[in-house]
Amino acid sequence: MIYPSIDKLLNVIGSKYQLVHIAANRSREIKHKGNLQMPKDKYKSYKNIGKSLEEVVEGMISLKKND
């Protein structure tokens, strides 16, 4: 995986474990529902997991803080 870099991803989501969880869930959502948050030609990645990580870097997906 070249893009997005792990450093950029960890700046958005502080934990690698949370990042994996978020990206996996979003990837499954893309697979089953097919809804993308950006136009198809804006994604650099072909696979759904890469697309979900691109969405994280762009700030389209974030962590919900529990109080």
PDB file of N, CA and C in Angstrom:
ATOM      1  N   MET A   1       0.847  -1.168   0.000  1.00  0.00           N
ATOM      2  CA  MET A   1       0.000   0.000   0.000  1.00  0.00           C
ATOM      3  C   MET A   1       0.895   1.234   0.000  1.00  0.00           C
ATOM      4  N   ILE A   2       0.762   2.058  -0.986  1.00  0.00           N
ATOM      5  CA  ILE A   2       1.572   3.260  -1.097  1.00  0.00           C
ATOM      6  C   ILE A   2       0.784   4.488  -0.666  1.00  0.00           C
ATOM      7  N   TYR A   3      -0.470   4.562  -1.065  1.00  0.00           N
ATOM      8  CA  TYR A   3      -1.276   5.725  -0.743  1.00  0.00           C
ATOM      9  C   TYR A   3      -2.554   5.275  -0.073  1.00  0.00           C
ATOM     10  N   PRO A   4      -2.976   5.883   0.946  1.00  0.00           N
ATOM     11  CA  PRO A   4      -2.343   6.919   1.762  1.00  0.00           C
ATOM     12  C   PRO A   4      -1.314   6.311   2.713  1.00  0.00           C
ATOM     13  N   SER A   5      -0.363   7.105   3.105  1.00  0.00           N
ATOM     14  CA  SER A   5       0.703   6.596   3.959  1.00  0.00           C
ATOM     15  C   SER A   5       0.185   6.374   5.374  1.00  0.00           C
ATOM     16  N   ILE A   6       0.806   5.463   6.076  1.00  0.00           N
ATOM     17  CA  ILE A   6       0.401   5.135   7.446  1.00  0.00           C
ATOM     18  C   ILE A   6       0.573   6.340   8.360  1.00  0.00           C
ATOM     19  N   ASP A   7       1.552   7.182   8.099  1.00  0.00           N
ATOM     20  CA  ASP A   7       1.763   8.376   8.923  1.00  0.00           C
ATOM     21  C   ASP A   7       0.583   9.334   8.823  1.00  0.00           C
ATOM     22  N   LYS A   8       0.094   9.549   7.613  1.00  0.00           N
ATOM     23  CA  LYS A   8      -1.072  10.422   7.430  1.00  0.00           C
ATOM     24  C   LYS A   8      -2.304   9.827   8.095  1.00  0.00           C
ATOM     25  N   LEU A   9      -2.465   8.520   7.966  1.00  0.00           N
ATOM     26  CA  LEU A   9      -3.619   7.858   8.567  1.00  0.00           C
ATOM     27  C   LEU A   9      -3.590   7.944  10.087  1.00  0.00           C
ATOM     28  N   LEU A  10      -2.422   7.775  10.670  1.00  0.00           N
ATOM     29  CA  LEU A  10      -2.314   7.823  12.134  1.00  0.00           C
ATOM     30  C   LEU A  10      -2.447   9.231  12.683  1.00  0.00           C
ATOM     31  N   ASN A  11      -2.259  10.242  11.839  1.00  0.00           N
ATOM     32  CA  ASN A  11      -2.529  11.615  12.272  1.00  0.00           C
ATOM     33  C   ASN A  11      -4.030  11.847  12.426  1.00  0.00           C
ATOM     34  N   VAL A  12      -4.821  11.140  11.632  1.00  0.00           N
ATOM     35  CA  VAL A  12      -6.273  11.286  11.696  1.00  0.00           C
ATOM     36  C   VAL A  12      -6.861  10.383  12.779  1.00  0.00           C
ATOM     37  N   ILE A  13      -6.468   9.119  12.774  1.00  0.00           N
ATOM     38  CA  ILE A  13      -6.918   8.133  13.759  1.00  0.00           C
ATOM     39  C   ILE A  13      -5.691   7.725  14.558  1.00  0.00           C
ATOM     40  N   GLY A  14      -5.730   7.922  15.861  1.00  0.00           N
ATOM     41  CA  GLY A  14      -4.549   7.739  16.697  1.00  0.00           C
ATOM     42  C   GLY A  14      -4.057   6.321  16.884  1.00  0.00           C
ATOM     43  N   SER A  15      -4.891   5.333  16.658  1.00  0.00           N
ATOM     44  CA  SER A  15      -4.528   3.950  16.937  1.00  0.00           C
ATOM     45  C   SER A  15      -4.611   3.105  15.670  1.00  0.00           C
ATOM     46  N   LYS A  16      -3.618   2.251  15.462  1.00  0.00           N
ATOM     47  CA  LYS A  16      -3.634   1.353  14.312  1.00  0.00           C
ATOM     48  C   LYS A  16      -4.811   0.388  14.393  1.00  0.00           C
ATOM     49  N   TYR A  17      -5.154  -0.036  15.594  1.00  0.00           N
ATOM     50  CA  TYR A  17      -6.234  -0.995  15.782  1.00  0.00           C
ATOM     51  C   TYR A  17      -7.589  -0.379  15.443  1.00  0.00           C
ATOM     52  N   GLN A  18      -7.796   0.853  15.851  1.00  0.00           N
ATOM     53  CA  GLN A  18      -9.031   1.550  15.503  1.00  0.00           C
ATOM     54  C   GLN A  18      -9.097   1.815  13.999  1.00  0.00           C
ATOM     55  N   LEU A  19      -7.977   2.137  13.424  1.00  0.00           N
ATOM     56  CA  LEU A  19      -7.905   2.386  11.986  1.00  0.00           C
ATOM     57  C   LEU A  19      -8.307   1.143  11.197  1.00  0.00           C
ATOM     58  N   VAL A  20      -7.789  -0.007  11.606  1.00  0.00           N
ATOM     59  CA  VAL A  20      -8.126  -1.264  10.933  1.00  0.00           C
ATOM     60  C   VAL A  20      -9.618  -1.548  11.059  1.00  0.00           C
ATOM     61  N   HIS A  21     -10.167  -1.340  12.234  1.00  0.00           N
ATOM     62  CA  HIS A  21     -11.578  -1.589  12.480  1.00  0.00           C
ATOM     63  C   HIS A  21     -12.457  -0.683  11.612  1.00  0.00           C
ATOM     64  N   ILE A  22     -12.144   0.591  11.587  1.00  0.00           N
ATOM     65  CA  ILE A  22     -12.914   1.555  10.806  1.00  0.00           C
ATOM     66  C   ILE A  22     -12.812   1.250   9.309  1.00  0.00           C
ATOM     67  N   ALA A  23     -11.611   0.993   8.839  1.00  0.00           N
ATOM     68  CA  ALA A  23     -11.411   0.739   7.408  1.00  0.00           C
ATOM     69  C   ALA A  23     -12.100  -0.556   6.968  1.00  0.00           C
ATOM     70  N   ALA A  24     -12.042  -1.582   7.802  1.00  0.00           N
ATOM     71  CA  ALA A  24     -12.681  -2.852   7.458  1.00  0.00           C
ATOM     72  C   ALA A  24     -14.197  -2.700   7.388  1.00  0.00           C
ATOM     73  N   ASN A  25     -14.770  -2.006   8.358  1.00  0.00           N
ATOM     74  CA  ASN A  25     -16.217  -1.797   8.352  1.00  0.00           C
ATOM     75  C   ASN A  25     -16.658  -0.979   7.145  1.00  0.00           C
ATOM     76  N   ARG A  26     -15.918   0.069   6.843  1.00  0.00           N
ATOM     77  CA  ARG A  26     -16.266   0.915   5.692  1.00  0.00           C
ATOM     78  C   ARG A  26     -16.100   0.148   4.389  1.00  0.00           C
ATOM     79  N   SER A  27     -15.075  -0.684   4.300  1.00  0.00           N
ATOM     80  CA  SER A  27     -14.842  -1.487   3.108  1.00  0.00           C
ATOM     81  C   SER A  27     -16.007  -2.444   2.865  1.00  0.00           C
ATOM     82  N   ARG A  28     -16.497  -3.080   3.934  1.00  0.00           N
ATOM     83  CA  ARG A  28     -17.656  -3.962   3.817  1.00  0.00           C
ATOM     84  C   ARG A  28     -18.904  -3.182   3.385  1.00  0.00           C
ATOM     85  N   GLU A  29     -19.045  -1.979   3.915  1.00  0.00           N
ATOM     86  CA  GLU A  29     -20.184  -1.148   3.555  1.00  0.00           C
ATOM     87  C   GLU A  29     -20.151  -0.782   2.067  1.00  0.00           C
ATOM     88  N   ILE A  30     -18.974  -0.439   1.571  1.00  0.00           N
ATOM     89  CA  ILE A  30     -18.820  -0.125   0.147  1.00  0.00           C
ATOM     90  C   ILE A  30     -19.163  -1.353  -0.697  1.00  0.00           C
ATOM     91  N   LYS A  31     -18.690  -2.514  -0.253  1.00  0.00           N
ATOM     92  CA  LYS A  31     -18.926  -3.757  -0.997  1.00  0.00           C
ATOM     93  C   LYS A  31     -20.411  -4.091  -1.082  1.00  0.00           C
ATOM     94  N   HIS A  32     -21.117  -3.983   0.029  1.00  0.00           N
ATOM     95  CA  HIS A  32     -22.517  -4.403   0.066  1.00  0.00           C
ATOM     96  C   HIS A  32     -23.482  -3.344  -0.454  1.00  0.00           C
ATOM     97  N   LYS A  33     -23.228  -2.086  -0.155  1.00  0.00           N
ATOM     98  CA  LYS A  33     -24.157  -1.029  -0.543  1.00  0.00           C
ATOM     99  C   LYS A  33     -23.714  -0.273  -1.791  1.00  0.00           C
ATOM    100  N   GLY A  34     -22.399  -0.233  -2.020  1.00  0.00           N
ATOM    101  CA  GLY A  34     -21.882   0.408  -3.220  1.00  0.00           C
ATOM    102  C   GLY A  34     -21.850   1.928  -3.179  1.00  0.00           C
ATOM    103  N   ASN A  35     -22.130   2.522  -2.030  1.00  0.00           N
ATOM    104  CA  ASN A  35     -22.128   3.987  -1.971  1.00  0.00           C
ATOM    105  C   ASN A  35     -20.736   4.515  -1.640  1.00  0.00           C
ATOM    106  N   LEU A  36     -20.282   5.442  -2.452  1.00  0.00           N
ATOM    107  CA  LEU A  36     -18.983   6.066  -2.263  1.00  0.00           C
ATOM    108  C   LEU A  36     -19.190   7.526  -1.871  1.00  0.00           C
ATOM    109  N   GLN A  37     -18.260   8.070  -1.108  1.00  0.00           N
ATOM    110  CA  GLN A  37     -18.391   9.452  -0.656  1.00  0.00           C
ATOM    111  C   GLN A  37     -17.739  10.442  -1.611  1.00  0.00           C
ATOM    112  N   MET A  38     -16.923   9.958  -2.513  1.00  0.00           N
ATOM    113  CA  MET A  38     -16.296  10.801  -3.527  1.00  0.00           C
ATOM    114  C   MET A  38     -16.646  10.228  -4.900  1.00  0.00           C
ATOM    115  N   PRO A  39     -16.500  11.020  -5.955  1.00  0.00           N
ATOM    116  CA  PRO A  39     -16.675  10.463  -7.303  1.00  0.00           C
ATOM    117  C   PRO A  39     -15.633   9.377  -7.572  1.00  0.00           C
ATOM    118  N   LYS A  40     -16.002   8.365  -8.351  1.00  0.00           N
ATOM    119  CA  LYS A  40     -15.111   7.226  -8.606  1.00  0.00           C
ATOM    120  C   LYS A  40     -13.754   7.637  -9.167  1.00  0.00           C
ATOM    121  N   ASP A  41     -13.711   8.666  -9.995  1.00  0.00           N
ATOM    122  CA  ASP A  41     -12.449   9.058 -10.625  1.00  0.00           C
ATOM    123  C   ASP A  41     -11.507   9.778  -9.667  1.00  0.00           C
ATOM    124  N   LYS A  42     -11.960  10.145  -8.478  1.00  0.00           N
ATOM    125  CA  LYS A  42     -11.110  10.814  -7.484  1.00  0.00           C
ATOM    126  C   LYS A  42     -10.288   9.829  -6.652  1.00  0.00           C
ATOM    127  N   TYR A  43     -10.705   8.565  -6.632  1.00  0.00           N
ATOM    128  CA  TYR A  43      -9.984   7.550  -5.853  1.00  0.00           C
ATOM    129  C   TYR A  43      -8.742   7.088  -6.604  1.00  0.00           C
ATOM    130  N   LYS A  44      -7.659   6.890  -5.880  1.00  0.00           N
ATOM    131  CA  LYS A  44      -6.440   6.338  -6.463  1.00  0.00           C
ATOM    132  C   LYS A  44      -6.437   4.812  -6.348  1.00  0.00           C
ATOM    133  N   SER A  45      -7.121   4.299  -5.339  1.00  0.00           N
ATOM    134  CA  SER A  45      -7.143   2.866  -5.072  1.00  0.00           C
ATOM    135  C   SER A  45      -8.235   2.173  -5.869  1.00  0.00           C
ATOM    136  N   TYR A  46      -7.942   0.953  -6.263  1.00  0.00           N
ATOM    137  CA  TYR A  46      -8.910   0.133  -6.980  1.00  0.00           C
ATOM    138  C   TYR A  46      -9.776  -0.660  -5.995  1.00  0.00           C
ATOM    139  N   LYS A  47      -9.164  -1.113  -4.906  1.00  0.00           N
ATOM    140  CA  LYS A  47      -9.867  -1.966  -3.949  1.00  0.00           C
ATOM    141  C   LYS A  47     -10.630  -1.134  -2.921  1.00  0.00           C
ATOM    142  N   ASN A  48     -11.659  -1.752  -2.361  1.00  0.00           N
ATOM    143  CA  ASN A  48     -12.512  -1.062  -1.394  1.00  0.00           C
ATOM    144  C   ASN A  48     -11.769  -0.671  -0.123  1.00  0.00           C
ATOM    145  N   ILE A  49     -10.839  -1.487   0.323  1.00  0.00           N
ATOM    146  CA  ILE A  49     -10.095  -1.163   1.544  1.00  0.00           C
ATOM    147  C   ILE A  49      -9.256   0.094   1.324  1.00  0.00           C
ATOM    148  N   GLY A  50      -8.650   0.230   0.162  1.00  0.00           N
ATOM    149  CA  GLY A  50      -7.888   1.433  -0.168  1.00  0.00           C
ATOM    150  C   GLY A  50      -8.776   2.658  -0.270  1.00  0.00           C
ATOM    151  N   LYS A  51      -9.965   2.474  -0.841  1.00  0.00           N
ATOM    152  CA  LYS A  51     -10.916   3.579  -0.945  1.00  0.00           C
ATOM    153  C   LYS A  51     -11.343   4.043   0.443  1.00  0.00           C
ATOM    154  N   SER A  52     -11.570   3.093   1.338  1.00  0.00           N
ATOM    155  CA  SER A  52     -11.975   3.469   2.691  1.00  0.00           C
ATOM    156  C   SER A  52     -10.862   4.217   3.416  1.00  0.00           C
ATOM    157  N   LEU A  53      -9.616   3.830   3.208  1.00  0.00           N
ATOM    158  CA  LEU A  53      -8.491   4.537   3.826  1.00  0.00           C
ATOM    159  C   LEU A  53      -8.339   5.942   3.232  1.00  0.00           C
ATOM    160  N   GLU A  54      -8.593   6.094   1.956  1.00  0.00           N
ATOM    161  CA  GLU A  54      -8.562   7.425   1.336  1.00  0.00           C
ATOM    162  C   GLU A  54      -9.632   8.323   1.942  1.00  0.00           C
ATOM    163  N   GLU A  55     -10.790   7.755   2.223  1.00  0.00           N
ATOM    164  CA  GLU A  55     -11.857   8.531   2.855  1.00  0.00           C
ATOM    165  C   GLU A  55     -11.468   8.964   4.265  1.00  0.00           C
ATOM    166  N   VAL A  56     -10.745   8.115   4.974  1.00  0.00           N
ATOM    167  CA  VAL A  56     -10.272   8.479   6.315  1.00  0.00           C
ATOM    168  C   VAL A  56      -9.316   9.660   6.225  1.00  0.00           C
ATOM    169  N   VAL A  57      -8.367   9.609   5.314  1.00  0.00           N
ATOM    170  CA  VAL A  57      -7.385  10.687   5.158  1.00  0.00           C
ATOM    171  C   VAL A  57      -8.061  11.995   4.771  1.00  0.00           C
ATOM    172  N   GLU A  58      -9.089  11.922   3.944  1.00  0.00           N
ATOM    173  CA  GLU A  58      -9.810  13.117   3.497  1.00  0.00           C
ATOM    174  C   GLU A  58     -10.726  13.686   4.577  1.00  0.00           C
ATOM    175  N   GLY A  59     -10.850  12.993   5.694  1.00  0.00           N
ATOM    176  CA  GLY A  59     -11.693  13.479   6.784  1.00  0.00           C
ATOM    177  C   GLY A  59     -13.162  13.158   6.629  1.00  0.00           C
ATOM    178  N   MET A  60     -13.487  12.261   5.730  1.00  0.00           N
ATOM    179  CA  MET A  60     -14.875  11.887   5.505  1.00  0.00           C
ATOM    180  C   MET A  60     -15.357  10.852   6.512  1.00  0.00           C
ATOM    181  N   ILE A  61     -14.426  10.165   7.141  1.00  0.00           N
ATOM    182  CA  ILE A  61     -14.724   9.186   8.176  1.00  0.00           C
ATOM    183  C   ILE A  61     -13.895   9.544   9.387  1.00  0.00           C
ATOM    184  N   SER A  62     -14.535   9.563  10.530  1.00  0.00           N
ATOM    185  CA  SER A  62     -13.801   9.898  11.757  1.00  0.00           C
ATOM    186  C   SER A  62     -14.329   9.050  12.911  1.00  0.00           C
ATOM    187  N   LEU A  63     -13.626   9.112  14.005  1.00  0.00           N
ATOM    188  CA  LEU A  63     -14.019   8.390  15.202  1.00  0.00           C
ATOM    189  C   LEU A  63     -15.098   9.145  15.959  1.00  0.00           C
ATOM    190  N   LYS A  64     -16.029   8.428  16.478  1.00  0.00           N
ATOM    191  CA  LYS A  64     -17.070   9.024  17.316  1.00  0.00           C
ATOM    192  C   LYS A  64     -16.631   8.836  18.771  1.00  0.00           C
ATOM    193  N   LYS A  65     -16.481   9.927  19.486  1.00  0.00           N
ATOM    194  CA  LYS A  65     -16.034   9.868  20.872  1.00  0.00           C
ATOM    195  C   LYS A  65     -17.196   9.515  21.786  1.00  0.00           C
ATOM    196  N   ASN A  66     -16.993   8.521  22.629  1.00  0.00           N
ATOM    197  CA  ASN A  66     -17.990   8.161  23.641  1.00  0.00           C
ATOM    198  C   ASN A  66     -17.648   8.865  24.944  1.00  0.00           C
ATOM    199  N   ASP A  67     -18.642   9.453  25.558  1.00  0.00           N
ATOM    200  CA  ASP A  67     -18.406  10.150  26.826  1.00  0.00           C
ATOM    201  C   ASP A  67     -18.718   9.279  28.005  1.00  0.00           C
TER     202      ASP A  67
END
